[in-house]
Protein backbone atom coordinates (compact mmCIF):
# COMPACT_ATOMS: atom_id res chain seq x y z
CA MET A 1 -7.13 -26.04 -9.61
CA LEU A 2 -5.50 -23.30 -7.54
CA ASP A 3 -6.47 -22.90 -3.93
CA THR A 4 -7.03 -19.44 -2.49
CA ARG A 5 -3.61 -19.21 -0.83
CA GLU A 6 -1.85 -20.06 -4.10
CA LEU A 7 -3.92 -17.49 -5.98
CA TYR A 8 -3.12 -14.82 -3.41
CA GLN A 9 0.57 -15.75 -3.50
CA GLN A 10 0.49 -15.35 -7.29
CA ILE A 11 -1.05 -11.88 -6.93
CA ILE A 12 1.76 -10.84 -4.57
CA LEU A 13 4.47 -12.31 -6.80
CA ASP A 14 3.00 -10.67 -9.92
CA HIS A 15 2.83 -7.23 -8.30
CA ASN A 16 6.37 -7.64 -6.96
CA ARG A 17 7.79 -8.63 -10.37
CA SER A 18 5.79 -6.06 -12.34
CA PRO A 19 4.80 -3.29 -9.95
CA ARG A 20 2.11 -0.96 -11.20
CA ASN A 21 2.62 2.81 -10.91
CA PHE A 22 6.30 2.37 -9.99
CA HIS A 23 7.62 5.78 -11.02
CA ILE A 24 7.67 9.35 -9.79
CA ILE A 25 5.24 12.14 -10.55
CA GLU A 26 7.32 15.16 -11.54
CA THR A 27 5.15 17.77 -9.82
CA PRO A 28 2.96 15.96 -7.31
CA SER A 29 0.39 17.85 -5.30
CA SER A 30 1.41 15.72 -2.33
CA HIS A 31 4.44 13.58 -1.44
CA ALA A 32 5.49 11.51 1.56
CA GLU A 33 8.31 9.18 2.48
CA GLY A 34 8.35 6.23 4.82
CA ASN A 35 10.63 3.52 6.07
CA ASN A 36 10.51 0.27 7.93
CA PRO A 37 13.70 0.17 9.99
CA LEU A 38 13.05 -3.42 11.05
CA CYS A 39 13.80 -4.80 7.58
CA GLY A 40 15.08 -1.77 5.64
CA ASP A 41 12.10 -1.14 3.34
CA VAL A 42 11.87 2.45 2.08
CA MET A 43 8.97 3.98 0.20
CA SER A 44 7.89 7.28 -1.32
CA ILE A 45 4.38 8.10 -2.52
CA ASP A 46 3.43 10.85 -4.97
CA LEU A 47 -0.17 11.97 -5.44
CA MET A 48 -1.99 14.21 -7.86
CA LEU A 49 -5.16 15.41 -6.17
CA SER A 50 -7.90 17.44 -7.79
CA ASN A 51 -11.06 18.43 -5.92
CA ASN A 52 -10.15 15.91 -3.18
CA VAL A 53 -9.97 13.06 -5.71
CA ILE A 54 -6.81 11.05 -6.38
CA GLU A 55 -6.21 11.47 -10.10
CA ALA A 56 -2.77 9.87 -10.15
CA VAL A 57 -0.57 8.01 -7.71
CA ALA A 58 2.94 6.64 -7.99
CA PHE A 59 5.46 5.03 -5.70
CA GLN A 60 9.18 4.44 -5.56
CA GLY A 61 11.15 2.41 -3.13
CA ALA A 62 13.08 -0.66 -2.29
CA GLY A 63 12.10 -3.51 -0.10
CA CYS A 64 10.76 -6.99 0.15
CA ALA A 65 8.13 -8.57 -2.11
CA ILE A 66 5.33 -7.93 0.40
CA SER A 67 6.19 -4.24 0.67
CA LYS A 68 6.45 -3.66 -3.08
CA ALA A 69 3.38 -5.74 -3.95
CA SER A 70 1.30 -3.99 -1.29
CA ALA A 71 2.25 -0.59 -2.72
CA SER A 72 1.48 -1.73 -6.26
CA VAL A 73 -1.96 -3.10 -5.39
CA MET A 74 -2.68 -0.02 -3.28
CA THR A 75 -1.93 2.39 -6.14
CA GLU A 76 -4.30 0.56 -8.46
CA PHE A 77 -7.02 0.48 -5.83
CA ILE A 78 -7.07 4.17 -4.87
CA LYS A 79 -7.11 5.91 -8.26
CA GLY A 80 -10.31 7.90 -8.60
CA LYS A 81 -11.17 7.67 -4.92
CA THR A 82 -11.72 10.69 -2.70
CA ARG A 83 -9.48 11.50 0.26
CA ARG A 84 -12.19 10.25 2.65
CA GLU A 85 -12.71 7.00 0.73
CA THR A 86 -8.96 6.44 0.68
CA LEU A 87 -8.52 7.12 4.40
CA ASP A 88 -11.36 4.66 5.11
CA LEU A 89 -9.68 2.08 2.87
CA ILE A 90 -6.38 2.57 4.73
CA ASP A 91 -8.16 1.77 7.99
CA ARG A 92 -9.89 -1.29 6.49
CA PHE A 93 -6.59 -2.58 5.11
CA ALA A 94 -4.96 -2.21 8.54
CA GLU A 95 -7.84 -4.17 10.07
CA LEU A 96 -7.44 -6.88 7.43
CA ILE A 97 -3.71 -7.19 8.05
CA THR A 98 -4.08 -7.36 11.82
CA GLY A 99 -6.92 -9.87 11.68
CA GLU A 100 -9.61 -7.54 13.01
CA THR A 101 -11.76 -8.04 9.89
CA GLU A 102 -12.04 -9.92 6.63
CA MET A 103 -12.38 -8.27 3.25
CA PRO A 104 -15.91 -8.87 1.94
CA ASP A 105 -14.55 -8.97 -1.63
CA PRO A 106 -11.88 -11.62 -2.21
CA GLY A 107 -9.99 -9.28 -4.54
CA PRO A 108 -6.32 -8.34 -4.62
CA LEU A 109 -6.31 -6.65 -1.20
CA ALA A 110 -7.41 -9.90 0.42
CA ALA A 111 -4.16 -11.45 -0.85
CA PHE A 112 -2.44 -9.75 2.07
CA ALA A 113 -4.67 -11.26 4.77
CA GLY A 114 -2.20 -14.11 5.27
CA VAL A 115 0.42 -11.61 6.43
CA ARG A 116 -1.29 -11.54 9.82
CA ASP A 117 0.20 -15.00 10.44
CA TYR A 118 3.68 -13.41 10.27
CA PRO A 119 3.70 -10.42 12.63
CA SER A 120 7.09 -9.17 11.47
CA ARG A 121 5.69 -8.87 7.92
CA VAL A 122 2.71 -6.72 8.93
CA ARG A 123 4.96 -3.66 8.89
CA CYS A 124 6.11 -4.55 5.38
CA ALA A 125 2.53 -4.76 4.11
CA THR A 126 1.41 -1.53 5.78
CA LEU A 127 4.40 0.70 4.95
CA ALA A 128 2.95 1.99 1.67
CA TRP A 129 -0.46 2.55 3.28
CA GLN A 130 0.99 4.53 6.18
CA THR A 131 3.06 6.57 3.73
CA LEU A 132 -0.05 7.20 1.63
CA LYS A 133 -1.88 8.45 4.72
CA ALA A 134 1.03 10.81 5.43
CA ALA A 135 0.84 12.13 1.85
CA ILE A 136 -2.92 12.69 2.09
CA GLU A 137 -2.52 14.48 5.42
CA GLY A 138 0.38 16.62 4.15
CA MET A 139 2.98 15.32 6.62
CA THR A 140 6.50 16.42 5.77
CA GLU A 141 8.56 14.22 8.08
CA THR A 142 9.44 10.68 7.07
CA ILE A 143 7.05 8.23 8.65
CA THR A 144 8.25 5.02 10.22
CA THR A 145 6.55 1.73 10.97
CA GLU A 146 7.99 1.61 14.48
């Protein structure tokens, strides 16, 4: 029987090997780019928004398994959510990663809770989320995790 840590590790490995929504949207309604200069991860997020609802989301980038898996899980999680719901989720994910809270649902996002034990990896896990926030807020400059 798998313990929770093994299950979460499998979620991260699966999303790294087969990332969901790893493509570009040709004419996104919003786009943002981000980088993590500490380890070299780069990320771009494309959104299709309609009536403040995320209809489609895609990402491109290169980086470590944590960074790519986090982006993949994130894109699956936010489809169909409003801007407000998504911004709230971004805050909750940051709290999970920093150890300020636990996820009530032990779903795929909770797989990243263990990252808090490795402070240098927190930036990897949050890069996609910070880039998503920049896309939602219409920021044009590249965001950085520094």
